[in-house]
Every structure is written in C-alpha cells, then in structure tokens.
Protein backbone atom coordinates (compact mmCIF):
# COMPACT_ATOMS: atom_id res chain seq x y z
CA UNK A 1 -47.57 -18.89 190.24
CA UNK A 2 -45.54 -17.00 187.64
CA UNK A 3 -46.44 -13.75 185.91
CA UNK A 4 -47.89 -15.37 182.80
CA UNK A 5 -50.26 -17.54 184.82
CA UNK A 6 -51.51 -14.50 186.82
CA UNK A 7 -52.07 -12.65 183.53
CA UNK A 8 -54.20 -15.47 182.10
CA UNK A 9 -56.25 -15.63 185.30
CA UNK A 10 -57.07 -11.91 185.08
CA UNK A 11 -58.06 -12.26 181.43
CA UNK A 12 -60.98 -14.59 182.32
CA UNK A 13 -64.01 -12.33 181.93
CA UNK A 14 -67.62 -13.34 181.49
CA UNK A 15 -71.23 -12.25 181.45
CA UNK A 16 -73.84 -14.13 183.52
CA UNK A 17 -77.52 -13.90 182.53
CA UNK A 18 -79.90 -14.78 185.29
CA UNK A 19 -83.59 -15.40 184.79
CA UNK A 20 -86.03 -14.22 187.49
CA UNK A 21 -89.54 -15.62 187.99
CA UNK A 22 -90.50 -13.00 190.65
CA UNK A 23 -91.65 -9.49 190.10
CA UNK A 24 -89.49 -7.08 192.14
CA UNK A 25 -88.67 -3.33 192.26
CA UNK A 26 -85.61 -2.03 190.44
CA UNK A 27 -83.79 -1.56 193.81
CA UNK A 28 -84.27 -5.23 194.59
CA UNK A 29 -82.82 -6.28 191.24
CA UNK A 30 -79.80 -4.05 191.91
CA UNK A 31 -79.36 -5.68 195.34
CA UNK A 32 -79.47 -9.13 193.77
CA UNK A 33 -76.92 -8.15 191.12
CA UNK A 34 -74.54 -6.68 193.73
CA UNK A 35 -74.96 -9.81 195.90
CA UNK A 36 -74.02 -12.09 193.01
CA UNK A 37 -71.01 -9.84 192.16
CA UNK A 38 -69.85 -9.95 195.78
CA UNK A 39 -70.09 -13.78 195.90
CA UNK A 40 -68.08 -14.02 192.67
CA UNK A 41 -65.32 -11.78 194.05
CA UNK A 42 -65.08 -13.63 197.38
CA UNK A 43 -65.22 -17.22 196.08
CA UNK A 44 -66.09 -19.58 193.27
CA UNK A 45 -69.60 -20.59 194.46
CA UNK A 46 -72.70 -18.42 194.01
CA UNK A 47 -75.84 -19.22 196.02
CA UNK A 48 -78.98 -18.09 194.15
CA UNK A 49 -82.45 -17.74 195.67
CA UNK A 50 -85.11 -20.12 194.35
CA UNK A 51 -86.64 -17.54 192.07
CA UNK A 52 -83.35 -16.89 190.16
CA UNK A 53 -81.83 -19.32 187.68
CA UNK A 54 -78.83 -19.14 185.38
CA UNK A 55 -79.76 -18.82 181.70
CA UNK A 56 -76.32 -18.32 180.18
CA UNK A 57 -72.65 -17.75 181.05
CA UNK A 58 -70.80 -16.08 178.19
CA UNK A 59 -66.97 -15.69 178.20
CA UNK A 60 -65.82 -12.46 176.55
CA UNK A 61 -63.43 -9.55 176.75
CA UNK A 62 -64.25 -6.46 178.79
CA UNK A 63 -65.67 -6.08 182.26
CA UNK A 64 -67.64 -8.64 184.28
CA UNK A 65 -71.35 -8.14 183.69
CA UNK A 66 -74.36 -9.64 185.45
CA UNK A 67 -77.76 -9.23 183.81
CA UNK A 68 -81.03 -10.19 185.54
CA UNK A 69 -83.95 -10.84 183.14
CA UNK A 70 -87.56 -11.22 183.96
CA UNK A 71 -89.22 -14.13 182.12
CA UNK A 72 -90.69 -11.60 179.67
CA UNK A 73 -87.67 -9.31 179.13
CA UNK A 74 -84.59 -7.50 180.51
CA UNK A 75 -85.22 -5.70 183.76
CA UNK A 76 -81.77 -4.51 184.91
CA UNK A 77 -78.32 -4.52 183.30
C-alpha cells in the first residue's frame, strides 16, 4: 500500500447514530458508546445488542462520532 492509499484510508470519517429502545442510565449509554468505538477500531464488524439499532451512518470530515438516541430524543453524544 503506497502513501496515497494510506492517506485516503485515514480520511474516511463518519458519524453513526444508534437508536435505543431501552431506558438506561447515562453511564450505561457511555459504556455502549465506548464498546461500539472499540469494535470499530479493532475490526469492521460491530455487534449491537437487541435494543440498539442503526438509524444513520453519515460520512463527514472531522472526528469519528457515535451518538446514541432514545426513541424520543438524544440521550448521549
């Protein structure tokens, strides 16, 4: 892999918005977010619990963000 290909790979940044049907404490949402981030760093497959579902994946510039939303609004960013 040459330098240009590595540069393009690093430039792929996105935001994932997860919907959550369960009511949890803020610490639990933080644990879920960190778990998803860890799975993304270690491999290409993310295993979500049954109460989480992917609402959107947005490609953009900047840092990698994971947002977990309750069905009625944003809980943790």
